[in-house]
C-alpha atoms as a PDB file:
ATOM      1  CA  MET A   1     112.456  48.851 128.848  1.00  0.00           C
ATOM      2  CA  ALA A   2     113.196  52.429 129.842  1.00  0.00           C
ATOM      3  CA  PRO A   3     110.481  53.884 131.990  1.00  0.00           C
ATOM      4  CA  ASP A   4     109.798  57.002 130.202  1.00  0.00           C
ATOM      5  CA  LEU A   5     109.518  56.441 126.234  1.00  0.00           C
ATOM      6  CA  ARG A   6     109.281  60.201 125.621  1.00  0.00           C
ATOM      7  CA  ARG A   7     112.724  60.724 126.103  1.00  0.00           C
ATOM      8  CA  LEU A   8     113.768  58.443 123.206  1.00  0.00           C
ATOM      9  CA  SER A   9     114.370  59.968 119.712  1.00  0.00           C
ATOM     10  CA  LYS A  10     112.110  58.705 116.695  1.00  0.00           C
ATOM     11  CA  ARG A  11     114.809  56.468 115.524  1.00  0.00           C
ATOM     12  CA  GLU A  12     115.074  54.895 118.931  1.00  0.00           C
ATOM     13  CA  LEU A  13     111.277  54.551 119.195  1.00  0.00           C
ATOM     14  CA  TYR A  14     111.199  52.320 115.881  1.00  0.00           C
ATOM     15  CA  ALA A  15     114.461  50.423 116.484  1.00  0.00           C
ATOM     16  CA  ARG A  16     113.087  49.361 119.483  1.00  0.00           C
ATOM     17  CA  TYR A  17     109.578  48.656 118.247  1.00  0.00           C
ATOM     18  CA  ALA A  18     111.066  46.606 115.276  1.00  0.00           C
ATOM     19  CA  ASP A  19     113.623  44.481 117.856  1.00  0.00           C
ATOM     20  CA  LEU A  20     110.359  43.824 120.126  1.00  0.00           C
ATOM     21  CA  GLN A  21     108.541  42.693 117.109  1.00  0.00           C
ATOM     22  CA  GLN A  22     111.137  40.490 116.104  1.00  0.00           C
ATOM     23  CA  ARG A  23     111.892  39.114 119.435  1.00  0.00           C
ATOM     24  CA  ALA A  24     107.791  38.160 119.576  1.00  0.00           C
ATOM     25  CA  HIS A  25     107.706  36.715 116.298  1.00  0.00           C
ATOM     26  CA  ALA A  26     110.951  34.461 117.703  1.00  0.00           C
ATOM     27  CA  CYS A  27     109.029  33.056 120.411  1.00  0.00           C
ATOM     28  CA  TYR A  28     106.682  31.438 117.804  1.00  0.00           C
ATOM     29  CA  GLU A  29     108.951  30.000 115.709  1.00  0.00           C
ATOM     30  CA  GLU A  30     110.844  28.251 118.447  1.00  0.00           C
ATOM     31  CA  GLY A  31     108.881  24.975 117.958  1.00  0.00           C
ATOM     32  CA  ILE A  32     107.049  25.262 121.196  1.00  0.00           C
ATOM     33  CA  ALA A  33     103.386  24.994 121.916  1.00  0.00           C
ATOM     34  CA  PHE A  34     101.339  28.057 120.998  1.00  0.00           C
ATOM     35  CA  ASP A  35     100.175  28.711 124.599  1.00  0.00           C
ATOM     36  CA  GLN A  36     103.752  28.646 125.707  1.00  0.00           C
ATOM     37  CA  ALA A  37     104.659  30.845 123.011  1.00  0.00           C
ATOM     38  CA  SER A  38     101.954  33.161 123.704  1.00  0.00           C
ATOM     39  CA  ALA A  39     102.816  33.330 127.044  1.00  0.00           C
ATOM     40  CA  LYS A  40     106.438  34.116 126.472  1.00  0.00           C
ATOM     41  CA  ALA A  41     105.883  36.716 123.771  1.00  0.00           C
ATOM     42  CA  ALA A  42     103.032  38.481 126.088  1.00  0.00           C
ATOM     43  CA  PRO A  43     105.422  40.620 127.741  1.00  0.00           C
ATOM     44  CA  LEU A  44     107.131  41.449 124.503  1.00  0.00           C
ATOM     45  CA  ILE A  45     103.700  42.313 123.041  1.00  0.00           C
ATOM     46  CA  THR A  46     102.924  44.446 125.852  1.00  0.00           C
ATOM     47  CA  GLN A  47     105.916  46.523 125.535  1.00  0.00           C
ATOM     48  CA  ALA A  48     105.749  46.698 121.602  1.00  0.00           C
ATOM     49  CA  ASP A  49     102.319  48.199 122.429  1.00  0.00           C
ATOM     50  CA  ALA A  50     103.656  50.914 124.539  1.00  0.00           C
ATOM     51  CA  VAL A  51     106.310  52.083 122.078  1.00  0.00           C
ATOM     52  CA  ALA A  52     103.364  52.016 119.423  1.00  0.00           C
ATOM     53  CA  THR A  53     101.202  54.160 121.496  1.00  0.00           C
ATOM     54  CA  GLU A  54     103.997  56.753 122.110  1.00  0.00           C
ATOM     55  CA  ILE A  55     104.755  56.611 118.225  1.00  0.00           C
ATOM     56  CA  VAL A  56     100.868  57.536 117.506  1.00  0.00           C
ATOM     57  CA  ARG A  57     101.131  60.129 120.256  1.00  0.00           C
ATOM     58  CA  ARG A  58     103.978  61.873 118.654  1.00  0.00           C
ATOM     59  CA  ALA A  59     102.305  61.358 115.213  1.00  0.00           C
ATOM     60  CA  ARG A  60      99.165  62.842 116.247  1.00  0.00           C
ATOM     61  CA  ARG A  61     100.769  65.883 118.025  1.00  0.00           C
ATOM     62  CA  THR A  62     102.677  66.523 114.652  1.00  0.00           C
ATOM     63  CA  ALA A  63      99.376  66.382 112.556  1.00  0.00           C
ATOM     64  CA  ARG A  64      97.928  69.156 114.910  1.00  0.00           C
ATOM     65  CA  TRP A  65     101.074  71.234 114.640  1.00  0.00           C
ATOM     66  CA  SER A  66     100.645  71.086 110.954  1.00  0.00           C
ATOM     67  CA  ARG A  67      97.078  71.572 110.759  1.00  0.00           C
ATOM     68  CA  ALA A  68      97.674  74.803 112.626  1.00  0.00           C
ATOM     69  CA  LEU A  69     100.402  76.009 110.508  1.00  0.00           C
ATOM     70  CA  ALA A  70      98.088  75.444 107.618  1.00  0.00           C
ATOM     71  CA  TYR A  71      95.307  77.295 108.924  1.00  0.00           C
ATOM     72  CA  ALA A  72      97.734  80.174 109.790  1.00  0.00           C
ATOM     73  CA  ALA A  73      99.072  80.225 106.325  1.00  0.00           C
ATOM     74  CA  ALA A  74      95.570  80.121 104.828  1.00  0.00           C
ATOM     75  CA  ALA A  75      94.647  83.016 107.133  1.00  0.00           C
ATOM     76  CA  ILE A  76      97.642  85.011 106.317  1.00  0.00           C
ATOM     77  CA  ALA A  77      97.049  84.202 102.602  1.00  0.00           C
ATOM     78  CA  VAL A  78      93.315  85.607 102.825  1.00  0.00           C
ATOM     79  CA  ALA A  79      94.499  88.642 104.496  1.00  0.00           C
ATOM     80  CA  LEU A  80      97.118  89.566 101.670  1.00  0.00           C
ATOM     81  CA  ILE A  81      94.551  89.019  98.904  1.00  0.00           C
ATOM     82  CA  VAL A  82      91.877  91.278 100.678  1.00  0.00           C
ATOM     83  CA  TRP A  83      94.875  93.613 101.586  1.00  0.00           C
ATOM     84  CA  ARG A  84      95.819  93.841  97.784  1.00  0.00           C
ATOM     85  CA  ALA A  85      91.977  94.164  96.609  1.00  0.00           C
ATOM     86  CA  VAL A  86      91.438  96.911  99.076  1.00  0.00           C
ATOM     87  CA  ALA A  87      94.621  98.556  97.920  1.00  0.00           C
ATOM     88  CA  GLN A  88      93.457  98.303  94.346  1.00  0.00           C
ATOM     89  CA  SER A  89      90.172  99.667  94.843  1.00  0.00           C
END
């Protein structure tokens, strides 16, 4: 796995997550004992968790940015309404 997930594009992150998930599921479908399959899948699950954490971090950052943009747009709208009301008086 790449040491810095922050450099990957969103598409690459989702592709990597899907690949890790598929490989982890394949461990359990090999017909080996559950304990062996779990041990074999553990590193893949850890890597998938790191990728998922990065996906969530980006989603939260986007949500914060969107919320700030919505607040700014609302403030501008209120200012325009007040300005128009004052101008008509």
